[in-house]
């Protein structure tokens, strides 16, 4: 997962996690585990990912599975980058 650190940094910046960012790993559960990750934050994370990677993410591409773990979010981004 070559983009794991980038996705982690974007997520941490959007959610203002500060030093807690260092505890995020590929298998870290996101939804239900990070109180900062509410529905508005999901939208902000998606927007930040779109801007950083210059990709377009449609609403119908996103599901709860996308935000299940840091790894699943990173795999989603890498899949978008391979198009």
PDB file of N, CA and C in Angstrom:
ATOM      1  N   UNK A   1       0.845  -1.195   0.000  1.00  0.00           N
ATOM      2  CA  UNK A   1       0.000   0.000   0.000  1.00  0.00           C
ATOM      3  C   UNK A   1       0.876   1.239   0.000  1.00  0.00           C
ATOM      4  N   UNK A   2       1.141   1.693  -1.187  1.00  0.00           N
ATOM      5  CA  UNK A   2       2.103   2.783  -1.294  1.00  0.00           C
ATOM      6  C   UNK A   2       1.546   4.141  -0.850  1.00  0.00           C
ATOM      7  N   UNK A   3       0.238   4.287  -0.758  1.00  0.00           N
ATOM      8  CA  UNK A   3      -0.345   5.584  -0.402  1.00  0.00           C
ATOM      9  C   UNK A   3      -0.864   5.632   1.043  1.00  0.00           C
ATOM     10  N   UNK A   4      -0.551   4.624   1.834  1.00  0.00           N
ATOM     11  CA  UNK A   4      -1.088   4.544   3.199  1.00  0.00           C
ATOM     12  C   UNK A   4      -0.735   5.773   4.034  1.00  0.00           C
ATOM     13  N   UNK A   5       0.518   6.181   4.011  1.00  0.00           N
ATOM     14  CA  UNK A   5       0.947   7.335   4.821  1.00  0.00           C
ATOM     15  C   UNK A   5       0.271   8.626   4.355  1.00  0.00           C
ATOM     16  N   UNK A   6       0.120   8.788   3.058  1.00  0.00           N
ATOM     17  CA  UNK A   6      -0.539   9.989   2.533  1.00  0.00           C
ATOM     18  C   UNK A   6      -2.002  10.032   2.974  1.00  0.00           C
ATOM     19  N   UNK A   7      -2.699   8.904   2.833  1.00  0.00           N
ATOM     20  CA  UNK A   7      -4.112   8.854   3.220  1.00  0.00           C
ATOM     21  C   UNK A   7      -4.240   9.089   4.727  1.00  0.00           C
ATOM     22  N   UNK A   8      -3.330   8.496   5.491  1.00  0.00           N
ATOM     23  CA  UNK A   8      -3.342   8.694   6.950  1.00  0.00           C
ATOM     24  C   UNK A   8      -3.163  10.167   7.292  1.00  0.00           C
ATOM     25  N   UNK A   9      -2.230  10.831   6.628  1.00  0.00           N
ATOM     26  CA  UNK A   9      -1.995  12.251   6.892  1.00  0.00           C
ATOM     27  C   UNK A   9      -3.200  13.109   6.520  1.00  0.00           C
ATOM     28  N   UNK A  10      -3.824  12.804   5.385  1.00  0.00           N
ATOM     29  CA  UNK A  10      -5.012  13.558   4.974  1.00  0.00           C
ATOM     30  C   UNK A  10      -6.126  13.363   6.000  1.00  0.00           C
ATOM     31  N   UNK A  11      -6.368  12.125   6.380  1.00  0.00           N
ATOM     32  CA  UNK A  11      -7.405  11.818   7.370  1.00  0.00           C
ATOM     33  C   UNK A  11      -7.122  12.540   8.688  1.00  0.00           C
ATOM     34  N   UNK A  12      -5.893  12.478   9.149  1.00  0.00           N
ATOM     35  CA  UNK A  12      -5.519  13.109  10.419  1.00  0.00           C
ATOM     36  C   UNK A  12      -5.661  14.633  10.351  1.00  0.00           C
ATOM     37  N   UNK A  13      -5.304  15.215   9.216  1.00  0.00           N
ATOM     38  CA  UNK A  13      -5.425  16.668   9.069  1.00  0.00           C
ATOM     39  C   UNK A  13      -6.883  17.114   9.043  1.00  0.00           C
ATOM     40  N   UNK A  14      -7.703  16.412   8.277  1.00  0.00           N
ATOM     41  CA  UNK A  14      -9.118  16.777   8.176  1.00  0.00           C
ATOM     42  C   UNK A  14      -9.813  16.628   9.531  1.00  0.00           C
ATOM     43  N   UNK A  15      -9.470  15.570  10.256  1.00  0.00           N
ATOM     44  CA  UNK A  15     -10.124  15.308  11.541  1.00  0.00           C
ATOM     45  C   UNK A  15      -9.428  15.983  12.718  1.00  0.00           C
ATOM     46  N   UNK A  16      -8.331  16.675  12.440  1.00  0.00           N
ATOM     47  CA  UNK A  16      -7.558  17.335  13.507  1.00  0.00           C
ATOM     48  C   UNK A  16      -7.186  16.349  14.615  1.00  0.00           C
ATOM     49  N   UNK A  17      -6.588  15.233  14.242  1.00  0.00           N
ATOM     50  CA  UNK A  17      -6.243  14.194  15.207  1.00  0.00           C
ATOM     51  C   UNK A  17      -4.964  14.488  15.987  1.00  0.00           C
ATOM     52  N   UNK A  18      -4.152  15.396  15.489  1.00  0.00           N
ATOM     53  CA  UNK A  18      -2.914  15.728  16.193  1.00  0.00           C
ATOM     54  C   UNK A  18      -2.027  14.503  16.347  1.00  0.00           C
ATOM     55  N   UNK A  19      -1.498  14.311  17.545  1.00  0.00           N
ATOM     56  CA  UNK A  19      -0.584  13.209  17.826  1.00  0.00           C
ATOM     57  C   UNK A  19      -1.247  11.834  17.724  1.00  0.00           C
ATOM     58  N   UNK A  20      -2.572  11.791  17.800  1.00  0.00           N
ATOM     59  CA  UNK A  20      -3.267  10.498  17.685  1.00  0.00           C
ATOM     60  C   UNK A  20      -3.071   9.879  16.307  1.00  0.00           C
ATOM     61  N   UNK A  21      -2.642  10.680  15.357  1.00  0.00           N
ATOM     62  CA  UNK A  21      -2.393  10.184  14.003  1.00  0.00           C
ATOM     63  C   UNK A  21      -1.370   9.056  14.026  1.00  0.00           C
ATOM     64  N   UNK A  22      -0.422   9.113  14.951  1.00  0.00           N
ATOM     65  CA  UNK A  22       0.646   8.116  14.997  1.00  0.00           C
ATOM     66  C   UNK A  22       0.142   6.737  15.405  1.00  0.00           C
ATOM     67  N   UNK A  23      -1.045   6.672  15.983  1.00  0.00           N
ATOM     68  CA  UNK A  23      -1.593   5.374  16.384  1.00  0.00           C
ATOM     69  C   UNK A  23      -2.407   4.716  15.262  1.00  0.00           C
ATOM     70  N   UNK A  24      -2.618   5.430  14.159  1.00  0.00           N
ATOM     71  CA  UNK A  24      -3.380   4.875  13.036  1.00  0.00           C
ATOM     72  C   UNK A  24      -2.528   3.889  12.252  1.00  0.00           C
ATOM     73  N   UNK A  25      -3.086   2.696  12.058  1.00  0.00           N
ATOM     74  CA  UNK A  25      -2.426   1.661  11.260  1.00  0.00           C
ATOM     75  C   UNK A  25      -3.385   1.196  10.171  1.00  0.00           C
ATOM     76  N   UNK A  26      -2.900   0.351   9.297  1.00  0.00           N
ATOM     77  CA  UNK A  26      -3.716  -0.133   8.189  1.00  0.00           C
ATOM     78  C   UNK A  26      -5.014  -0.778   8.670  1.00  0.00           C
ATOM     79  N   UNK A  27      -4.954  -1.484   9.786  1.00  0.00           N
ATOM     80  CA  UNK A  27      -6.134  -2.199  10.287  1.00  0.00           C
ATOM     81  C   UNK A  27      -6.943  -1.413  11.322  1.00  0.00           C
ATOM     82  N   UNK A  28      -6.627  -0.133  11.501  1.00  0.00           N
ATOM     83  CA  UNK A  28      -7.370   0.700  12.449  1.00  0.00           C
ATOM     84  C   UNK A  28      -8.801   0.905  11.952  1.00  0.00           C
ATOM     85  N   UNK A  29      -9.758   0.566  12.796  1.00  0.00           N
ATOM     86  CA  UNK A  29     -11.174   0.791  12.483  1.00  0.00           C
ATOM     87  C   UNK A  29     -11.439   2.297  12.502  1.00  0.00           C
ATOM     88  N   UNK A  30     -12.108   2.794  11.472  1.00  0.00           N
ATOM     89  CA  UNK A  30     -12.403   4.228  11.390  1.00  0.00           C
ATOM     90  C   UNK A  30     -13.826   4.528  11.856  1.00  0.00           C
ATOM     91  N   UNK A  31     -14.810   4.006  11.128  1.00  0.00           N
ATOM     92  CA  UNK A  31     -16.210   4.298  11.481  1.00  0.00           C
ATOM     93  C   UNK A  31     -16.558   3.663  12.822  1.00  0.00           C
ATOM     94  N   UNK A  32     -17.071   4.478  13.721  1.00  0.00           N
ATOM     95  CA  UNK A  32     -17.444   3.991  15.039  1.00  0.00           C
ATOM     96  C   UNK A  32     -16.305   4.023  16.033  1.00  0.00           C
ATOM     97  N   UNK A  33     -15.085   4.203  15.550  1.00  0.00           N
ATOM     98  CA  UNK A  33     -13.919   4.228  16.420  1.00  0.00           C
ATOM     99  C   UNK A  33     -13.364   5.641  16.594  1.00  0.00           C
ATOM    100  N   UNK A  34     -13.495   6.445  15.568  1.00  0.00           N
ATOM    101  CA  UNK A  34     -13.036   7.840  15.626  1.00  0.00           C
ATOM    102  C   UNK A  34     -14.257   8.742  15.744  1.00  0.00           C
ATOM    103  N   UNK A  35     -14.485   9.292  16.937  1.00  0.00           N
ATOM    104  CA  UNK A  35     -15.687  10.124  17.108  1.00  0.00           C
ATOM    105  C   UNK A  35     -15.727  11.325  16.168  1.00  0.00           C
ATOM    106  N   UNK A  36     -14.566  11.766  15.715  1.00  0.00           N
ATOM    107  CA  UNK A  36     -14.515  12.917  14.808  1.00  0.00           C
ATOM    108  C   UNK A  36     -15.051  12.585  13.426  1.00  0.00           C
ATOM    109  N   UNK A  37     -15.108  11.301  13.086  1.00  0.00           N
ATOM    110  CA  UNK A  37     -15.504  10.896  11.747  1.00  0.00           C
ATOM    111  C   UNK A  37     -17.019  10.738  11.658  1.00  0.00           C
ATOM    112  N   UNK A  38     -17.694  11.883  11.597  1.00  0.00           N
ATOM    113  CA  UNK A  38     -19.146  11.886  11.421  1.00  0.00           C
ATOM    114  C   UNK A  38     -19.450  12.099   9.939  1.00  0.00           C
ATOM    115  N   UNK A  39     -20.713  12.232   9.605  1.00  0.00           N
ATOM    116  CA  UNK A  39     -21.094  12.324   8.189  1.00  0.00           C
ATOM    117  C   UNK A  39     -20.484  13.544   7.498  1.00  0.00           C
ATOM    118  N   UNK A  40     -20.392  14.664   8.193  1.00  0.00           N
ATOM    119  CA  UNK A  40     -19.769  15.855   7.588  1.00  0.00           C
ATOM    120  C   UNK A  40     -18.276  15.642   7.387  1.00  0.00           C
ATOM    121  N   UNK A  41     -17.646  14.980   8.335  1.00  0.00           N
ATOM    122  CA  UNK A  41     -16.211  14.721   8.224  1.00  0.00           C
ATOM    123  C   UNK A  41     -15.929  13.784   7.057  1.00  0.00           C
ATOM    124  N   UNK A  42     -16.805  12.821   6.827  1.00  0.00           N
ATOM    125  CA  UNK A  42     -16.636  11.913   5.673  1.00  0.00           C
ATOM    126  C   UNK A  42     -16.628  12.732   4.391  1.00  0.00           C
ATOM    127  N   UNK A  43     -17.541  13.664   4.265  1.00  0.00           N
ATOM    128  CA  UNK A  43     -17.596  14.529   3.082  1.00  0.00           C
ATOM    129  C   UNK A  43     -16.298  15.331   2.962  1.00  0.00           C
ATOM    130  N   UNK A  44     -15.814  15.861   4.070  1.00  0.00           N
ATOM    131  CA  UNK A  44     -14.579  16.644   4.049  1.00  0.00           C
ATOM    132  C   UNK A  44     -13.364  15.783   3.682  1.00  0.00           C
ATOM    133  N   UNK A  45     -13.326  14.551   4.169  1.00  0.00           N
ATOM    134  CA  UNK A  45     -12.230  13.633   3.827  1.00  0.00           C
ATOM    135  C   UNK A  45     -12.275  13.323   2.333  1.00  0.00           C
ATOM    136  N   UNK A  46     -13.441  13.042   1.816  1.00  0.00           N
ATOM    137  CA  UNK A  46     -13.581  12.753   0.382  1.00  0.00           C
ATOM    138  C   UNK A  46     -13.102  13.944  -0.443  1.00  0.00           C
ATOM    139  N   UNK A  47     -13.518  15.136  -0.067  1.00  0.00           N
ATOM    140  CA  UNK A  47     -13.096  16.343  -0.778  1.00  0.00           C
ATOM    141  C   UNK A  47     -11.583  16.516  -0.729  1.00  0.00           C
ATOM    142  N   UNK A  48     -10.996  16.284   0.437  1.00  0.00           N
ATOM    143  CA  UNK A  48      -9.543  16.413   0.578  1.00  0.00           C
ATOM    144  C   UNK A  48      -8.809  15.381  -0.274  1.00  0.00           C
ATOM    145  N   UNK A  49      -9.330  14.150  -0.323  1.00  0.00           N
ATOM    146  CA  UNK A  49      -8.721  13.113  -1.157  1.00  0.00           C
ATOM    147  C   UNK A  49      -8.826  13.482  -2.643  1.00  0.00           C
ATOM    148  N   UNK A  50      -9.977  14.001  -3.051  1.00  0.00           N
ATOM    149  CA  UNK A  50     -10.169  14.412  -4.446  1.00  0.00           C
ATOM    150  C   UNK A  50      -9.166  15.501  -4.830  1.00  0.00           C
ATOM    151  N   UNK A  51      -8.998  16.471  -3.950  1.00  0.00           N
ATOM    152  CA  UNK A  51      -8.086  17.577  -4.245  1.00  0.00           C
ATOM    153  C   UNK A  51      -6.631  17.108  -4.259  1.00  0.00           C
ATOM    154  N   UNK A  52      -6.241  16.322  -3.271  1.00  0.00           N
ATOM    155  CA  UNK A  52      -4.849  15.885  -3.159  1.00  0.00           C
ATOM    156  C   UNK A  52      -4.435  15.001  -4.338  1.00  0.00           C
ATOM    157  N   UNK A  53      -5.294  14.058  -4.677  1.00  0.00           N
ATOM    158  CA  UNK A  53      -4.958  13.096  -5.729  1.00  0.00           C
ATOM    159  C   UNK A  53      -5.496  13.477  -7.103  1.00  0.00           C
ATOM    160  N   UNK A  54      -6.218  14.594  -7.181  1.00  0.00           N
ATOM    161  CA  UNK A  54      -6.823  15.042  -8.443  1.00  0.00           C
ATOM    162  C   UNK A  54      -7.672  13.924  -9.060  1.00  0.00           C
ATOM    163  N   UNK A  55      -8.575  13.405  -8.229  1.00  0.00           N
ATOM    164  CA  UNK A  55      -9.502  12.362  -8.661  1.00  0.00           C
ATOM    165  C   UNK A  55     -10.922  12.853  -8.427  1.00  0.00           C
ATOM    166  N   UNK A  56     -11.868  12.157  -9.006  1.00  0.00           N
ATOM    167  CA  UNK A  56     -13.276  12.466  -8.803  1.00  0.00           C
ATOM    168  C   UNK A  56     -13.951  11.235  -8.200  1.00  0.00           C
ATOM    169  N   UNK A  57     -14.660  11.446  -7.086  1.00  0.00           N
ATOM    170  CA  UNK A  57     -15.331  10.355  -6.397  1.00  0.00           C
ATOM    171  C   UNK A  57     -16.829  10.626  -6.427  1.00  0.00           C
ATOM    172  N   UNK A  58     -17.574   9.694  -7.019  1.00  0.00           N
ATOM    173  CA  UNK A  58     -19.024   9.817  -7.081  1.00  0.00           C
ATOM    174  C   UNK A  58     -19.650   9.266  -5.804  1.00  0.00           C
ATOM    175  N   UNK A  59     -20.792   9.819  -5.433  1.00  0.00           N
ATOM    176  CA  UNK A  59     -21.482   9.382  -4.216  1.00  0.00           C
ATOM    177  C   UNK A  59     -21.761   7.884  -4.208  1.00  0.00           C
ATOM    178  N   UNK A  60     -22.103   7.333  -5.367  1.00  0.00           N
ATOM    179  CA  UNK A  60     -22.458   5.914  -5.406  1.00  0.00           C
ATOM    180  C   UNK A  60     -21.250   4.979  -5.295  1.00  0.00           C
ATOM    181  N   UNK A  61     -20.043   5.547  -5.290  1.00  0.00           N
ATOM    182  CA  UNK A  61     -18.831   4.736  -5.114  1.00  0.00           C
ATOM    183  C   UNK A  61     -18.486   4.525  -3.641  1.00  0.00           C
ATOM    184  N   UNK A  62     -19.052   5.347  -2.791  1.00  0.00           N
ATOM    185  CA  UNK A  62     -18.707   5.337  -1.371  1.00  0.00           C
ATOM    186  C   UNK A  62     -19.715   4.507  -0.595  1.00  0.00           C
ATOM    187  N   UNK A  63     -19.186   3.671   0.291  1.00  0.00           N
ATOM    188  CA  UNK A  63     -20.044   2.906   1.198  1.00  0.00           C
ATOM    189  C   UNK A  63     -19.374   2.874   2.570  1.00  0.00           C
ATOM    190  N   UNK A  64     -20.063   2.314   3.523  1.00  0.00           N
ATOM    191  CA  UNK A  64     -19.485   2.175   4.863  1.00  0.00           C
ATOM    192  C   UNK A  64     -18.217   1.328   4.799  1.00  0.00           C
ATOM    193  N   UNK A  65     -18.178   0.374   3.877  1.00  0.00           N
ATOM    194  CA  UNK A  65     -16.985  -0.468   3.734  1.00  0.00           C
ATOM    195  C   UNK A  65     -15.757   0.342   3.347  1.00  0.00           C
ATOM    196  N   UNK A  66     -15.951   1.406   2.587  1.00  0.00           N
ATOM    197  CA  UNK A  66     -14.835   2.254   2.168  1.00  0.00           C
ATOM    198  C   UNK A  66     -14.135   2.841   3.381  1.00  0.00           C
ATOM    199  N   UNK A  67     -14.914   3.252   4.376  1.00  0.00           N
ATOM    200  CA  UNK A  67     -14.379   3.899   5.573  1.00  0.00           C
ATOM    201  C   UNK A  67     -14.274   2.942   6.762  1.00  0.00           C
ATOM    202  N   UNK A  68     -14.299   1.629   6.500  1.00  0.00           N
ATOM    203  CA  UNK A  68     -14.221   0.660   7.593  1.00  0.00           C
ATOM    204  C   UNK A  68     -12.881   0.743   8.323  1.00  0.00           C
ATOM    205  N   UNK A  69     -11.787   0.723   7.564  1.00  0.00           N
ATOM    206  CA  UNK A  69     -10.446   0.813   8.153  1.00  0.00           C
ATOM    207  C   UNK A  69      -9.604   1.785   7.326  1.00  0.00           C
ATOM    208  N   UNK A  70      -8.463   2.149   7.870  1.00  0.00           N
ATOM    209  CA  UNK A  70      -7.540   2.985   7.114  1.00  0.00           C
ATOM    210  C   UNK A  70      -7.087   2.248   5.858  1.00  0.00           C
ATOM    211  N   UNK A  71      -6.905   0.939   5.971  1.00  0.00           N
ATOM    212  CA  UNK A  71      -6.502   0.143   4.817  1.00  0.00           C
ATOM    213  C   UNK A  71      -7.556   0.112   3.723  1.00  0.00           C
ATOM    214  N   UNK A  72      -8.829  -0.023   4.108  1.00  0.00           N
ATOM    215  CA  UNK A  72      -9.891  -0.055   3.096  1.00  0.00           C
ATOM    216  C   UNK A  72     -10.016   1.296   2.395  1.00  0.00           C
ATOM    217  N   UNK A  73      -9.820   2.369   3.131  1.00  0.00           N
ATOM    218  CA  UNK A  73      -9.858   3.702   2.526  1.00  0.00           C
ATOM    219  C   UNK A  73      -8.680   3.875   1.572  1.00  0.00           C
ATOM    220  N   UNK A  74      -7.517   3.405   1.977  1.00  0.00           N
ATOM    221  CA  UNK A  74      -6.334   3.500   1.120  1.00  0.00           C
ATOM    222  C   UNK A  74      -6.501   2.649  -0.131  1.00  0.00           C
ATOM    223  N   UNK A  75      -7.042   1.433  -0.004  1.00  0.00           N
ATOM    224  CA  UNK A  75      -7.276   0.584  -1.173  1.00  0.00           C
ATOM    225  C   UNK A  75      -8.249   1.251  -2.141  1.00  0.00           C
ATOM    226  N   UNK A  76      -9.270   1.922  -1.593  1.00  0.00           N
ATOM    227  CA  UNK A  76     -10.223   2.635  -2.437  1.00  0.00           C
ATOM    228  C   UNK A  76      -9.504   3.716  -3.249  1.00  0.00           C
ATOM    229  N   UNK A  77      -8.667   4.499  -2.584  1.00  0.00           N
ATOM    230  CA  UNK A  77      -7.924   5.567  -3.269  1.00  0.00           C
ATOM    231  C   UNK A  77      -7.018   4.977  -4.340  1.00  0.00           C
ATOM    232  N   UNK A  78      -6.313   3.908  -4.000  1.00  0.00           N
ATOM    233  CA  UNK A  78      -5.403   3.298  -4.969  1.00  0.00           C
ATOM    234  C   UNK A  78      -6.149   2.727  -6.165  1.00  0.00           C
ATOM    235  N   UNK A  79      -7.343   2.230  -5.921  1.00  0.00           N
ATOM    236  CA  UNK A  79      -8.181   1.741  -7.017  1.00  0.00           C
ATOM    237  C   UNK A  79      -8.576   2.906  -7.935  1.00  0.00           C
ATOM    238  N   UNK A  80      -8.939   4.033  -7.332  1.00  0.00           N
ATOM    239  CA  UNK A  80      -9.301   5.218  -8.124  1.00  0.00           C
ATOM    240  C   UNK A  80      -8.107   5.722  -8.939  1.00  0.00           C
ATOM    241  N   UNK A  81      -6.921   5.625  -8.382  1.00  0.00           N
ATOM    242  CA  UNK A  81      -5.731   6.109  -9.068  1.00  0.00           C
ATOM    243  C   UNK A  81      -5.324   5.215 -10.231  1.00  0.00           C
ATOM    244  N   UNK A  82      -5.769   3.980 -10.220  1.00  0.00           N
ATOM    245  CA  UNK A  82      -5.385   3.048 -11.268  1.00  0.00           C
ATOM    246  C   UNK A  82      -6.265   3.155 -12.514  1.00  0.00           C
ATOM    247  N   UNK A  83      -7.327   3.968 -12.455  1.00  0.00           N
ATOM    248  CA  UNK A  83      -8.210   4.149 -13.620  1.00  0.00           C
ATOM    249  C   UNK A  83      -7.520   4.913 -14.703  1.00  0.00           C
TER     250      UNK A  83
END
